[in-house]
PDB file of N, CA and C in Angstrom:
ATOM      1  N   MET A   1      -4.768  -2.778  -3.674  1.00  0.00           N
ATOM      2  CA  MET A   1      -5.943  -2.530  -4.478  1.00  0.00           C
ATOM      3  C   MET A   1      -6.424  -3.794  -4.902  1.00  0.00           C
ATOM      4  N   ALA A   2      -7.550  -3.714  -5.163  1.00  0.00           N
ATOM      5  CA  ALA A   2      -8.435  -4.878  -5.773  1.00  0.00           C
ATOM      6  C   ALA A   2      -9.485  -4.702  -6.464  1.00  0.00           C
ATOM      7  N   VAL A   3      -9.219  -5.260  -7.784  1.00  0.00           N
ATOM      8  CA  VAL A   3     -10.183  -5.364  -8.829  1.00  0.00           C
ATOM      9  C   VAL A   3     -10.987  -6.530  -9.208  1.00  0.00           C
ATOM     10  N   ARG A   4     -11.789  -6.310 -10.192  1.00  0.00           N
ATOM     11  CA  ARG A   4     -12.742  -7.735 -10.435  1.00  0.00           C
ATOM     12  C   ARG A   4     -11.702  -8.576 -11.147  1.00  0.00           C
ATOM     13  N   ALA A   5     -11.657  -9.774 -11.005  1.00  0.00           N
ATOM     14  CA  ALA A   5     -11.189 -10.873 -12.215  1.00  0.00           C
ATOM     15  C   ALA A   5     -10.983 -10.314 -13.564  1.00  0.00           C
ATOM     16  N   GLN A   6     -12.251 -10.153 -14.124  1.00  0.00           N
ATOM     17  CA  GLN A   6     -12.730  -9.762 -15.248  1.00  0.00           C
ATOM     18  C   GLN A   6     -11.962  -8.567 -15.630  1.00  0.00           C
ATOM     19  N   ALA A   7     -11.419  -7.796 -14.908  1.00  0.00           N
ATOM     20  CA  ALA A   7     -10.816  -6.693 -15.231  1.00  0.00           C
ATOM     21  C   ALA A   7      -9.241  -6.636 -15.782  1.00  0.00           C
ATOM     22  N   LEU A   8      -8.933  -7.603 -15.160  1.00  0.00           N
ATOM     23  CA  LEU A   8      -7.190  -7.918 -15.296  1.00  0.00           C
ATOM     24  C   LEU A   8      -6.963  -8.228 -17.022  1.00  0.00           C
ATOM     25  N   ASP A   9      -8.064  -8.839 -17.349  1.00  0.00           N
ATOM     26  CA  ASP A   9      -7.868  -9.331 -19.001  1.00  0.00           C
ATOM     27  C   ASP A   9      -8.335  -8.256 -19.825  1.00  0.00           C
ATOM     28  N   ALA A  10      -9.835  -7.702 -19.161  1.00  0.00           N
ATOM     29  CA  ALA A  10     -10.392  -6.864 -20.204  1.00  0.00           C
ATOM     30  C   ALA A  10      -9.774  -5.196 -20.288  1.00  0.00           C
ATOM     31  N   HIS A  11      -9.356  -5.049 -19.231  1.00  0.00           N
ATOM     32  CA  HIS A  11      -8.786  -3.417 -19.006  1.00  0.00           C
ATOM     33  C   HIS A  11      -6.958  -3.448 -18.844  1.00  0.00           C
ATOM     34  N   PRO A  12      -6.284  -4.259 -19.388  1.00  0.00           N
ATOM     35  CA  PRO A  12      -4.907  -4.073 -18.672  1.00  0.00           C
ATOM     36  C   PRO A  12      -4.106  -2.780 -18.921  1.00  0.00           C
ATOM     37  N   ARG A  13      -4.355  -2.169 -19.957  1.00  0.00           N
ATOM     38  CA  ARG A  13      -3.960  -0.800 -20.014  1.00  0.00           C
ATOM     39  C   ARG A  13      -4.035   0.091 -19.355  1.00  0.00           C
ATOM     40  N   ALA A  14      -5.037   0.089 -18.926  1.00  0.00           N
ATOM     41  CA  ALA A  14      -5.976   0.757 -17.551  1.00  0.00           C
ATOM     42  C   ALA A  14      -5.480   0.666 -16.004  1.00  0.00           C
ATOM     43  N   LEU A  15      -5.286  -0.490 -15.925  1.00  0.00           N
ATOM     44  CA  LEU A  15      -4.807  -1.179 -14.678  1.00  0.00           C
ATOM     45  C   LEU A  15      -3.348  -0.701 -14.660  1.00  0.00           C
ATOM     46  N   ASN A  16      -2.678  -0.923 -15.909  1.00  0.00           N
ATOM     47  CA  ASN A  16      -1.286  -0.549 -15.565  1.00  0.00           C
ATOM     48  C   ASN A  16      -1.052   0.877 -15.394  1.00  0.00           C
ATOM     49  N   THR A  17      -1.758   1.613 -16.444  1.00  0.00           N
ATOM     50  CA  THR A  17      -2.013   3.099 -15.775  1.00  0.00           C
ATOM     51  C   THR A  17      -2.245   3.421 -14.311  1.00  0.00           C
ATOM     52  N   LEU A  18      -3.262   2.774 -14.102  1.00  0.00           N
ATOM     53  CA  LEU A  18      -3.974   3.229 -12.342  1.00  0.00           C
ATOM     54  C   LEU A  18      -2.673   2.821 -11.314  1.00  0.00           C
ATOM     55  N   VAL A  19      -2.328   1.805 -11.708  1.00  0.00           N
ATOM     56  CA  VAL A  19      -1.297   1.019 -10.629  1.00  0.00           C
ATOM     57  C   VAL A  19      -0.214   2.265 -10.801  1.00  0.00           C
ATOM     58  N   ALA A  20       0.631   2.385 -11.893  1.00  0.00           N
ATOM     59  CA  ALA A  20       1.656   3.141 -12.070  1.00  0.00           C
ATOM     60  C   ALA A  20       1.666   4.629 -11.261  1.00  0.00           C
ATOM     61  N   ALA A  21       0.182   5.479 -11.243  1.00  0.00           N
ATOM     62  CA  ALA A  21      -0.331   6.551 -10.934  1.00  0.00           C
ATOM     63  C   ALA A  21      -0.145   6.310  -9.596  1.00  0.00           C
ATOM     64  N   HIS A  22      -0.810   5.165  -8.562  1.00  0.00           N
ATOM     65  CA  HIS A  22      -0.741   4.776  -7.206  1.00  0.00           C
ATOM     66  C   HIS A  22       0.909   4.938  -6.824  1.00  0.00           C
ATOM     67  N   PHE A  23       1.538   4.658  -7.495  1.00  0.00           N
ATOM     68  CA  PHE A  23       3.018   4.519  -7.137  1.00  0.00           C
ATOM     69  C   PHE A  23       3.340   5.943  -7.159  1.00  0.00           C
ATOM     70  N   LYS A  24       2.956   6.542  -7.898  1.00  0.00           N
ATOM     71  CA  LYS A  24       3.552   7.916  -8.212  1.00  0.00           C
ATOM     72  C   LYS A  24       3.173   9.064  -7.237  1.00  0.00           C
ATOM     73  N   ALA A  25       1.974   8.580  -6.741  1.00  0.00           N
ATOM     74  CA  ALA A  25       1.189   9.650  -5.509  1.00  0.00           C
ATOM     75  C   ALA A  25       1.695   9.219  -4.328  1.00  0.00           C
ATOM     76  N   LEU A  26       2.457   7.685  -4.036  1.00  0.00           N
ATOM     77  CA  LEU A  26       3.073   7.707  -3.070  1.00  0.00           C
ATOM     78  C   LEU A  26       4.345   7.891  -2.714  1.00  0.00           C
ATOM     79  N   ASP A  27       5.157   8.061  -4.033  1.00  0.00           N
ATOM     80  CA  ASP A  27       6.363   9.004  -3.820  1.00  0.00           C
ATOM     81  C   ASP A  27       5.957  10.389  -3.684  1.00  0.00           C
ATOM     82  N   HIS A  28       5.119  10.903  -4.333  1.00  0.00           N
ATOM     83  CA  HIS A  28       4.560  12.275  -4.025  1.00  0.00           C
ATOM     84  C   HIS A  28       4.748  12.850  -2.336  1.00  0.00           C
ATOM     85  N   LEU A  29       3.511  11.653  -1.969  1.00  0.00           N
ATOM     86  CA  LEU A  29       3.498  11.879  -0.650  1.00  0.00           C
ATOM     87  C   LEU A  29       4.654  11.777   0.275  1.00  0.00           C
ATOM     88  N   ALA A  30       5.598  10.939  -0.152  1.00  0.00           N
ATOM     89  CA  ALA A  30       6.828  10.567   0.901  1.00  0.00           C
ATOM     90  C   ALA A  30       7.994  11.605   0.406  1.00  0.00           C
ATOM     91  N   ARG A  31       8.044  12.010  -0.607  1.00  0.00           N
ATOM     92  CA  ARG A  31       9.107  13.431  -0.912  1.00  0.00           C
ATOM     93  C   ARG A  31       8.548  14.504  -0.563  1.00  0.00           C
ATOM     94  N   GLN A  32       7.076  14.832  -0.957  1.00  0.00           N
ATOM     95  CA  GLN A  32       6.593  16.356  -0.524  1.00  0.00           C
ATOM     96  C   GLN A  32       4.953  16.254   0.243  1.00  0.00           C
ATOM     97  N   PRO A  33       4.893  15.788   1.204  1.00  0.00           N
ATOM     98  CA  PRO A  33       4.217  15.459   2.196  1.00  0.00           C
ATOM     99  C   PRO A  33       3.133  16.837   2.207  1.00  0.00           C
ATOM    100  N   GLN A  34       3.874  17.998   2.619  1.00  0.00           N
ATOM    101  CA  GLN A  34       2.638  19.299   2.633  1.00  0.00           C
ATOM    102  C   GLN A  34       1.845  19.450   1.025  1.00  0.00           C
ATOM    103  N   ASP A  35       2.969  19.358   0.071  1.00  0.00           N
ATOM    104  CA  ASP A  35       2.186  19.290  -0.919  1.00  0.00           C
ATOM    105  C   ASP A  35       0.903  18.669  -0.883  1.00  0.00           C
ATOM    106  N   ALA A  36       1.162  17.013  -1.078  1.00  0.00           N
ATOM    107  CA  ALA A  36       0.479  16.048  -1.416  1.00  0.00           C
ATOM    108  C   ALA A  36      -0.739  16.034  -0.347  1.00  0.00           C
ATOM    109  N   ALA A  37      -0.662  16.771   0.906  1.00  0.00           N
ATOM    110  CA  ALA A  37      -1.578  17.059   2.080  1.00  0.00           C
ATOM    111  C   ALA A  37      -2.616  18.277   1.555  1.00  0.00           C
ATOM    112  N   MET A  38      -1.928  18.980   0.838  1.00  0.00           N
ATOM    113  CA  MET A  38      -2.902  20.030   0.205  1.00  0.00           C
ATOM    114  C   MET A  38      -3.727  19.663  -0.748  1.00  0.00           C
ATOM    115  N   ARG A  39      -3.178  18.765  -1.627  1.00  0.00           N
ATOM    116  CA  ARG A  39      -4.060  18.179  -2.702  1.00  0.00           C
ATOM    117  C   ARG A  39      -4.783  17.374  -2.129  1.00  0.00           C
ATOM    118  N   LEU A  40      -4.616  16.377  -1.456  1.00  0.00           N
ATOM    119  CA  LEU A  40      -5.526  15.314  -0.597  1.00  0.00           C
ATOM    120  C   LEU A  40      -7.105  16.293   0.289  1.00  0.00           C
ATOM    121  N   ALA A  41      -6.486  16.882   0.887  1.00  0.00           N
ATOM    122  CA  ALA A  41      -7.540  17.542   1.662  1.00  0.00           C
ATOM    123  C   ALA A  41      -8.598  17.825   1.104  1.00  0.00           C
ATOM    124  N   PRO A  42      -9.009  18.399   0.117  1.00  0.00           N
ATOM    125  CA  PRO A  42     -10.269  18.164  -0.506  1.00  0.00           C
ATOM    126  C   PRO A  42     -11.265  17.181  -1.203  1.00  0.00           C
ATOM    127  N   TYR A  43     -10.407  16.399  -0.835  1.00  0.00           N
ATOM    128  CA  TYR A  43     -11.033  14.737  -1.472  1.00  0.00           C
ATOM    129  C   TYR A  43     -11.230  14.041  -0.071  1.00  0.00           C
ATOM    130  N   LEU A  44     -10.491  14.638   0.769  1.00  0.00           N
ATOM    131  CA  LEU A  44     -10.919  13.736   1.804  1.00  0.00           C
ATOM    132  C   LEU A  44     -11.816  14.436   2.769  1.00  0.00           C
ATOM    133  N   ARG A  45     -11.754  15.543   2.669  1.00  0.00           N
ATOM    134  CA  ARG A  45     -12.686  16.486   3.434  1.00  0.00           C
ATOM    135  C   ARG A  45     -12.613  16.910   4.899  1.00  0.00           C
ATOM    136  N   VAL A  46     -10.844  16.983   4.990  1.00  0.00           N
ATOM    137  CA  VAL A  46     -10.191  17.747   6.068  1.00  0.00           C
ATOM    138  C   VAL A  46      -9.178  18.527   5.845  1.00  0.00           C
ATOM    139  N   THR A  47      -8.603  19.413   6.492  1.00  0.00           N
ATOM    140  CA  THR A  47      -7.508  20.198   6.557  1.00  0.00           C
ATOM    141  C   THR A  47      -6.196  19.441   5.868  1.00  0.00           C
ATOM    142  N   PRO A  48      -5.117  20.070   5.477  1.00  0.00           N
ATOM    143  CA  PRO A  48      -3.965  19.392   5.049  1.00  0.00           C
ATOM    144  C   PRO A  48      -3.354  18.820   6.397  1.00  0.00           C
ATOM    145  N   GLU A  49      -3.655  19.695   7.456  1.00  0.00           N
ATOM    146  CA  GLU A  49      -2.608  18.911   9.089  1.00  0.00           C
ATOM    147  C   GLU A  49      -3.509  17.635   9.119  1.00  0.00           C
ATOM    148  N   GLN A  50      -4.680  17.531   8.872  1.00  0.00           N
ATOM    149  CA  GLN A  50      -5.521  16.249   9.243  1.00  0.00           C
ATOM    150  C   GLN A  50      -4.630  15.070   8.591  1.00  0.00           C
ATOM    151  N   VAL A  51      -4.532  15.551   6.948  1.00  0.00           N
ATOM    152  CA  VAL A  51      -4.440  14.531   6.125  1.00  0.00           C
ATOM    153  C   VAL A  51      -3.027  14.016   6.375  1.00  0.00           C
ATOM    154  N   LEU A  52      -2.264  14.572   6.723  1.00  0.00           N
ATOM    155  CA  LEU A  52      -0.913  14.198   7.698  1.00  0.00           C
ATOM    156  C   LEU A  52      -0.840  13.128   8.695  1.00  0.00           C
ATOM    157  N   ALA A  53      -1.973  13.680   9.432  1.00  0.00           N
ATOM    158  CA  ALA A  53      -2.211  12.922  10.908  1.00  0.00           C
ATOM    159  C   ALA A  53      -2.760  12.037  10.873  1.00  0.00           C
ATOM    160  N   GLN A  54      -3.394  11.777   9.642  1.00  0.00           N
ATOM    161  CA  GLN A  54      -4.485  10.364   9.319  1.00  0.00           C
ATOM    162  C   GLN A  54      -3.311   9.457   8.832  1.00  0.00           C
ATOM    163  N   PHE A  55      -1.961   9.579   8.267  1.00  0.00           N
ATOM    164  CA  PHE A  55      -1.181   8.730   8.140  1.00  0.00           C
ATOM    165  C   PHE A  55      -0.027   8.515   8.820  1.00  0.00           C
ATOM    166  N   VAL A  56       0.171   9.013  10.131  1.00  0.00           N
ATOM    167  CA  VAL A  56       0.835   8.757  11.145  1.00  0.00           C
ATOM    168  C   VAL A  56       0.535   7.266  11.478  1.00  0.00           C
ATOM    169  N   GLY A  57       1.588   6.563  11.542  1.00  0.00           N
ATOM    170  CA  GLY A  57       1.596   5.077  11.932  1.00  0.00           C
ATOM    171  C   GLY A  57       1.237   4.136  10.994  1.00  0.00           C
ATOM    172  N   ILE A  58       0.758   4.616   9.875  1.00  0.00           N
ATOM    173  CA  ILE A  58       0.249   3.495   8.733  1.00  0.00           C
ATOM    174  C   ILE A  58       1.639   3.226   7.859  1.00  0.00           C
ATOM    175  N   LYS A  59       1.651   2.388   7.155  1.00  0.00           N
ATOM    176  CA  LYS A  59       2.772   1.700   6.586  1.00  0.00           C
ATOM    177  C   LYS A  59       2.118   1.478   4.863  1.00  0.00           C
ATOM    178  N   LEU A  60       2.496   2.428   4.187  1.00  0.00           N
ATOM    179  CA  LEU A  60       1.848   2.289   2.761  1.00  0.00           C
ATOM    180  C   LEU A  60       2.970   1.590   2.045  1.00  0.00           C
ATOM    181  N   PRO A  61       2.597   0.580   1.774  1.00  0.00           N
ATOM    182  CA  PRO A  61       3.633  -0.277   0.782  1.00  0.00           C
ATOM    183  C   PRO A  61       4.112   0.356  -0.647  1.00  0.00           C
ATOM    184  N   ASP A  62       5.322   0.128  -0.566  1.00  0.00           N
ATOM    185  CA  ASP A  62       6.142   0.936  -1.791  1.00  0.00           C
ATOM    186  C   ASP A  62       6.134  -0.199  -2.712  1.00  0.00           C
ATOM    187  N   LEU A  63       6.932   0.170  -3.788  1.00  0.00           N
ATOM    188  CA  LEU A  63       6.889  -0.955  -5.039  1.00  0.00           C
ATOM    189  C   LEU A  63       7.677  -2.220  -4.723  1.00  0.00           C
ATOM    190  N   ALA A  64       8.656  -1.972  -3.904  1.00  0.00           N
ATOM    191  CA  ALA A  64       9.567  -3.342  -3.185  1.00  0.00           C
ATOM    192  C   ALA A  64       8.372  -4.055  -2.435  1.00  0.00           C
ATOM    193  N   ASP A  65       7.954  -3.571  -1.121  1.00  0.00           N
ATOM    194  CA  ASP A  65       7.082  -4.532  -0.720  1.00  0.00           C
ATOM    195  C   ASP A  65       6.007  -5.012  -1.452  1.00  0.00           C
ATOM    196  N   ASN A  66       5.454  -4.252  -2.732  1.00  0.00           N
ATOM    197  CA  ASN A  66       3.962  -5.053  -3.373  1.00  0.00           C
ATOM    198  C   ASN A  66       5.199  -6.210  -3.917  1.00  0.00           C
ATOM    199  N   ARG A  67       6.107  -6.133  -4.690  1.00  0.00           N
ATOM    200  CA  ARG A  67       6.872  -7.194  -5.247  1.00  0.00           C
ATOM    201  C   ARG A  67       6.969  -8.477  -4.356  1.00  0.00           C
ATOM    202  N   GLU A  68       7.496  -7.874  -3.316  1.00  0.00           N
ATOM    203  CA  GLU A  68       7.715  -8.991  -2.055  1.00  0.00           C
ATOM    204  C   GLU A  68       6.361  -9.526  -2.016  1.00  0.00           C
ATOM    205  N   GLN A  69       5.216  -9.244  -1.751  1.00  0.00           N
ATOM    206  CA  GLN A  69       3.985  -9.594  -1.514  1.00  0.00           C
ATOM    207  C   GLN A  69       3.318 -10.251  -2.291  1.00  0.00           C
ATOM    208  N   LEU A  70       3.500  -9.890  -3.611  1.00  0.00           N
ATOM    209  CA  LEU A  70       2.674 -10.386  -4.754  1.00  0.00           C
ATOM    210  C   LEU A  70       3.232 -11.549  -5.579  1.00  0.00           C
ATOM    211  N   SER A  71       4.536 -11.537  -5.321  1.00  0.00           N
ATOM    212  CA  SER A  71       5.272 -12.535  -6.199  1.00  0.00           C
ATOM    213  C   SER A  71       5.465 -14.036  -5.663  1.00  0.00           C
ATOM    214  N   GLY A  72       6.099 -15.206  -6.348  1.00  0.00           N
ATOM    215  CA  GLY A  72       6.398 -16.321  -6.174  1.00  0.00           C
ATOM    216  C   GLY A  72       5.545 -17.317  -6.313  1.00  0.00           C
ATOM    217  N   PRO A  73       5.748 -18.253  -5.982  1.00  0.00           N
ATOM    218  CA  PRO A  73       4.756 -19.960  -6.109  1.00  0.00           C
ATOM    219  C   PRO A  73       3.435 -19.824  -5.243  1.00  0.00           C
ATOM    220  N   VAL A  74       3.684 -19.389  -4.270  1.00  0.00           N
ATOM    221  CA  VAL A  74       2.465 -18.887  -3.381  1.00  0.00           C
ATOM    222  C   VAL A  74       2.887 -17.772  -2.553  1.00  0.00           C
ATOM    223  N   PRO A  75       2.603 -16.801  -3.205  1.00  0.00           N
ATOM    224  CA  PRO A  75       2.664 -15.167  -2.926  1.00  0.00           C
ATOM    225  C   PRO A  75       2.520 -15.032  -1.365  1.00  0.00           C
ATOM    226  N   PRO A  76       3.256 -14.507  -0.544  1.00  0.00           N
ATOM    227  CA  PRO A  76       3.009 -14.108   0.869  1.00  0.00           C
ATOM    228  C   PRO A  76       1.614 -13.426   1.040  1.00  0.00           C
ATOM    229  N   LEU A  77       1.094 -12.447   0.189  1.00  0.00           N
ATOM    230  CA  LEU A  77      -0.507 -12.165   0.328  1.00  0.00           C
ATOM    231  C   LEU A  77      -1.469 -12.883   0.376  1.00  0.00           C
ATOM    232  N   GLN A  78      -1.373 -13.715  -0.296  1.00  0.00           N
ATOM    233  CA  GLN A  78      -2.147 -15.272  -1.093  1.00  0.00           C
ATOM    234  C   GLN A  78      -2.253 -16.203   0.384  1.00  0.00           C
ATOM    235  N   ARG A  79      -1.076 -16.433   0.796  1.00  0.00           N
ATOM    236  CA  ARG A  79      -0.645 -17.367   2.075  1.00  0.00           C
ATOM    237  C   ARG A  79      -1.507 -16.809   3.234  1.00  0.00           C
ATOM    238  N   LYS A  80      -1.408 -15.306   3.355  1.00  0.00           N
ATOM    239  CA  LYS A  80      -1.842 -14.625   4.565  1.00  0.00           C
ATOM    240  C   LYS A  80      -3.428 -14.738   4.585  1.00  0.00           C
ATOM    241  N   ALA A  81      -4.018 -14.137   3.229  1.00  0.00           N
ATOM    242  CA  ALA A  81      -5.247 -14.275   2.865  1.00  0.00           C
ATOM    243  C   ALA A  81      -5.994 -15.576   3.217  1.00  0.00           C
ATOM    244  N   GLY A  82      -5.192 -16.881   2.944  1.00  0.00           N
ATOM    245  CA  GLY A  82      -5.897 -18.192   2.975  1.00  0.00           C
ATOM    246  C   GLY A  82      -5.656 -18.203   4.591  1.00  0.00           C
ATOM    247  N   GLU A  83      -4.839 -18.240   5.169  1.00  0.00           N
ATOM    248  CA  GLU A  83      -4.883 -18.243   6.615  1.00  0.00           C
ATOM    249  C   GLU A  83      -6.100 -17.536   7.335  1.00  0.00           C
ATOM    250  N   LEU A  84      -6.261 -16.483   7.075  1.00  0.00           N
ATOM    251  CA  LEU A  84      -6.941 -15.399   7.656  1.00  0.00           C
ATOM    252  C   LEU A  84      -8.251 -16.024   7.497  1.00  0.00           C
ATOM    253  N   ALA A  85      -8.715 -16.605   6.295  1.00  0.00           N
ATOM    254  CA  ALA A  85     -10.020 -17.266   5.604  1.00  0.00           C
ATOM    255  C   ALA A  85     -10.062 -18.458   6.752  1.00  0.00           C
ATOM    256  N   GLU A  86      -9.309 -19.292   6.677  1.00  0.00           N
ATOM    257  CA  GLU A  86      -9.097 -20.224   7.584  1.00  0.00           C
ATOM    258  C   GLU A  86      -9.825 -20.100   8.870  1.00  0.00           C
ATOM    259  N   LEU A  87      -9.077 -19.043   9.747  1.00  0.00           N
ATOM    260  CA  LEU A  87      -9.187 -18.787  11.175  1.00  0.00           C
ATOM    261  C   LEU A  87     -10.847 -18.186  10.900  1.00  0.00           C
ATOM    262  N   MET A  88     -11.538 -17.236  10.170  1.00  0.00           N
ATOM    263  CA  MET A  88     -12.714 -16.868  10.071  1.00  0.00           C
ATOM    264  C   MET A  88     -13.923 -18.071   9.795  1.00  0.00           C
ATOM    265  N   LEU A  89     -13.525 -18.804   9.255  1.00  0.00           N
ATOM    266  CA  LEU A  89     -13.896 -20.067   9.048  1.00  0.00           C
ATOM    267  C   LEU A  89     -14.179 -20.683  10.372  1.00  0.00           C
ATOM    268  N   ARG A  90     -13.153 -21.009  11.131  1.00  0.00           N
ATOM    269  CA  ARG A  90     -13.548 -21.856  12.513  1.00  0.00           C
ATOM    270  C   ARG A  90     -13.640 -21.039  13.348  1.00  0.00           C
ATOM    271  N   GLN A  91     -13.973 -19.791  13.276  1.00  0.00           N
ATOM    272  CA  GLN A  91     -14.761 -18.949  14.221  1.00  0.00           C
ATOM    273  C   GLN A  91     -16.193 -18.481  14.063  1.00  0.00           C
ATOM    274  N   GLY A  92     -16.485 -19.029  12.880  1.00  0.00           N
ATOM    275  CA  GLY A  92     -17.700 -18.705  12.154  1.00  0.00           C
ATOM    276  C   GLY A  92     -18.196 -17.329  11.511  1.00  0.00           C
ATOM    277  N   LEU A  93     -17.132 -16.800  11.239  1.00  0.00           N
ATOM    278  CA  LEU A  93     -17.429 -15.579  10.912  1.00  0.00           C
ATOM    279  C   LEU A  93     -17.410 -15.664   9.183  1.00  0.00           C
ATOM    280  N   LEU A  94     -17.017 -16.859   8.692  1.00  0.00           N
ATOM    281  CA  LEU A  94     -17.476 -17.019   7.366  1.00  0.00           C
ATOM    282  C   LEU A  94     -18.149 -18.374   7.267  1.00  0.00           C
ATOM    283  N   GLN A  95     -19.216 -18.660   6.432  1.00  0.00           N
ATOM    284  CA  GLN A  95     -19.906 -19.922   6.060  1.00  0.00           C
ATOM    285  C   GLN A  95     -19.531 -20.583   5.175  1.00  0.00           C
ATOM    286  N   ALA A  96     -18.789 -20.394   4.370  1.00  0.00           N
ATOM    287  CA  ALA A  96     -17.858 -21.492   3.691  1.00  0.00           C
ATOM    288  C   ALA A  96     -16.695 -20.938   3.004  1.00  0.00           C
ATOM    289  N   PRO A  97     -15.538 -21.876   2.714  1.00  0.00           N
ATOM    290  CA  PRO A  97     -14.577 -21.530   2.267  1.00  0.00           C
ATOM    291  C   PRO A  97     -14.212 -20.617   1.418  1.00  0.00           C
ATOM    292  N   VAL A  98     -13.028 -19.590   1.422  1.00  0.00           N
ATOM    293  CA  VAL A  98     -12.876 -18.945   0.590  1.00  0.00           C
ATOM    294  C   VAL A  98     -11.708 -19.239  -0.547  1.00  0.00           C
ATOM    295  N   ALA A  99     -11.894 -19.338  -2.071  1.00  0.00           N
ATOM    296  CA  ALA A  99     -10.998 -19.384  -2.470  1.00  0.00           C
ATOM    297  C   ALA A  99      -9.755 -18.137  -2.947  1.00  0.00           C
ATOM    298  N   VAL A 100      -8.516 -18.257  -2.279  1.00  0.00           N
ATOM    299  CA  VAL A 100      -7.550 -17.205  -2.746  1.00  0.00           C
ATOM    300  C   VAL A 100      -6.606 -17.634  -3.676  1.00  0.00           C
ATOM    301  N   ALA A 101      -7.019 -18.724  -4.489  1.00  0.00           N
ATOM    302  CA  ALA A 101      -5.647 -18.952  -5.310  1.00  0.00           C
ATOM    303  C   ALA A 101      -5.760 -17.621  -6.517  1.00  0.00           C
ATOM    304  N   GLY A 102      -4.968 -16.973  -7.133  1.00  0.00           N
ATOM    305  CA  GLY A 102      -4.817 -16.154  -8.200  1.00  0.00           C
ATOM    306  C   GLY A 102      -5.112 -14.689  -7.220  1.00  0.00           C
ATOM    307  N   LEU A 103      -5.352 -14.723  -6.204  1.00  0.00           N
ATOM    308  CA  LEU A 103      -5.272 -13.191  -5.345  1.00  0.00           C
ATOM    309  C   LEU A 103      -4.697 -12.546  -5.731  1.00  0.00           C
ATOM    310  N   ALA A 104      -3.004 -12.938  -5.461  1.00  0.00           N
ATOM    311  CA  ALA A 104      -2.213 -12.055  -5.748  1.00  0.00           C
ATOM    312  C   ALA A 104      -1.411 -11.740  -7.308  1.00  0.00           C
ATOM    313  N   GLU A 105      -1.493 -10.322  -7.862  1.00  0.00           N
ATOM    314  CA  GLU A 105      -1.268 -10.852  -9.528  1.00  0.00           C
ATOM    315  C   GLU A 105      -0.372  -9.458  -9.514  1.00  0.00           C
ATOM    316  N   PRO A 106       0.826 -10.112  -9.747  1.00  0.00           N
ATOM    317  CA  PRO A 106       2.166  -9.046  -9.924  1.00  0.00           C
ATOM    318  C   PRO A 106       1.964  -8.430 -11.067  1.00  0.00           C
ATOM    319  N   ARG A 107       1.393  -8.781 -12.149  1.00  0.00           N
ATOM    320  CA  ARG A 107       2.105  -8.271 -13.535  1.00  0.00           C
ATOM    321  C   ARG A 107       1.490  -6.932 -14.160  1.00  0.00           C
ATOM    322  N   PHE A 108       1.020  -6.179 -13.090  1.00  0.00           N
ATOM    323  CA  PHE A 108       0.622  -4.742 -13.204  1.00  0.00           C
ATOM    324  C   PHE A 108       1.454  -4.110 -12.589  1.00  0.00           C
ATOM    325  N   LEU A 109       2.502  -4.515 -11.867  1.00  0.00           N
ATOM    326  CA  LEU A 109       3.577  -3.472 -11.309  1.00  0.00           C
ATOM    327  C   LEU A 109       4.366  -3.125 -12.321  1.00  0.00           C
ATOM    328  N   PRO A 110       4.660  -1.754 -12.224  1.00  0.00           N
ATOM    329  CA  PRO A 110       5.330  -0.783 -13.111  1.00  0.00           C
ATOM    330  C   PRO A 110       6.979  -1.516 -12.661  1.00  0.00           C
ATOM    331  N   PRO A 111       7.620  -1.540 -13.730  1.00  0.00           N
ATOM    332  CA  PRO A 111       9.064  -1.819 -13.633  1.00  0.00           C
ATOM    333  C   PRO A 111       9.935  -1.780 -12.551  1.00  0.00           C
ATOM    334  N   ALA A 112      10.914  -1.885 -11.839  1.00  0.00           N
ATOM    335  CA  ALA A 112      11.575  -1.372 -10.979  1.00  0.00           C
ATOM    336  C   ALA A 112      12.291  -0.255 -11.317  1.00  0.00           C
ATOM    337  N   ALA A 113      12.741   0.552 -10.556  1.00  0.00           N
ATOM    338  CA  ALA A 113      14.017   1.559 -11.039  1.00  0.00           C
ATOM    339  C   ALA A 113      15.198   1.252 -11.325  1.00  0.00           C
ATOM    340  N   PRO A 114      15.972   1.845 -12.280  1.00  0.00           N
ATOM    341  CA  PRO A 114      17.084   0.991 -12.530  1.00  0.00           C
ATOM    342  C   PRO A 114      17.941   1.500 -11.145  1.00  0.00           C
TER     343      PRO A 114
END
């Protein structure tokens, strides 16, 4: 999930709610895929069967995955983004270096389940 830097401090409660809802939806999709597909279908403008087919082979990072990618002195997500930006710069796909410091922000993740 990406948000503007200004939103981090301006809307922390909204971001906490949004991130918690995201993980609740992922859990629902994992536990009750048919119901989740039925609810998602109108928004995606496809049938429920097509919803499930769209997710085949896609890894949707759960809370533990997010904690792993967003935490640490140099979070893995930030490191990988920096490597990608450097590659893109070398290949001429970027015109200038991209600052990735602060890209990973774990503070809005919900607490781990007991």
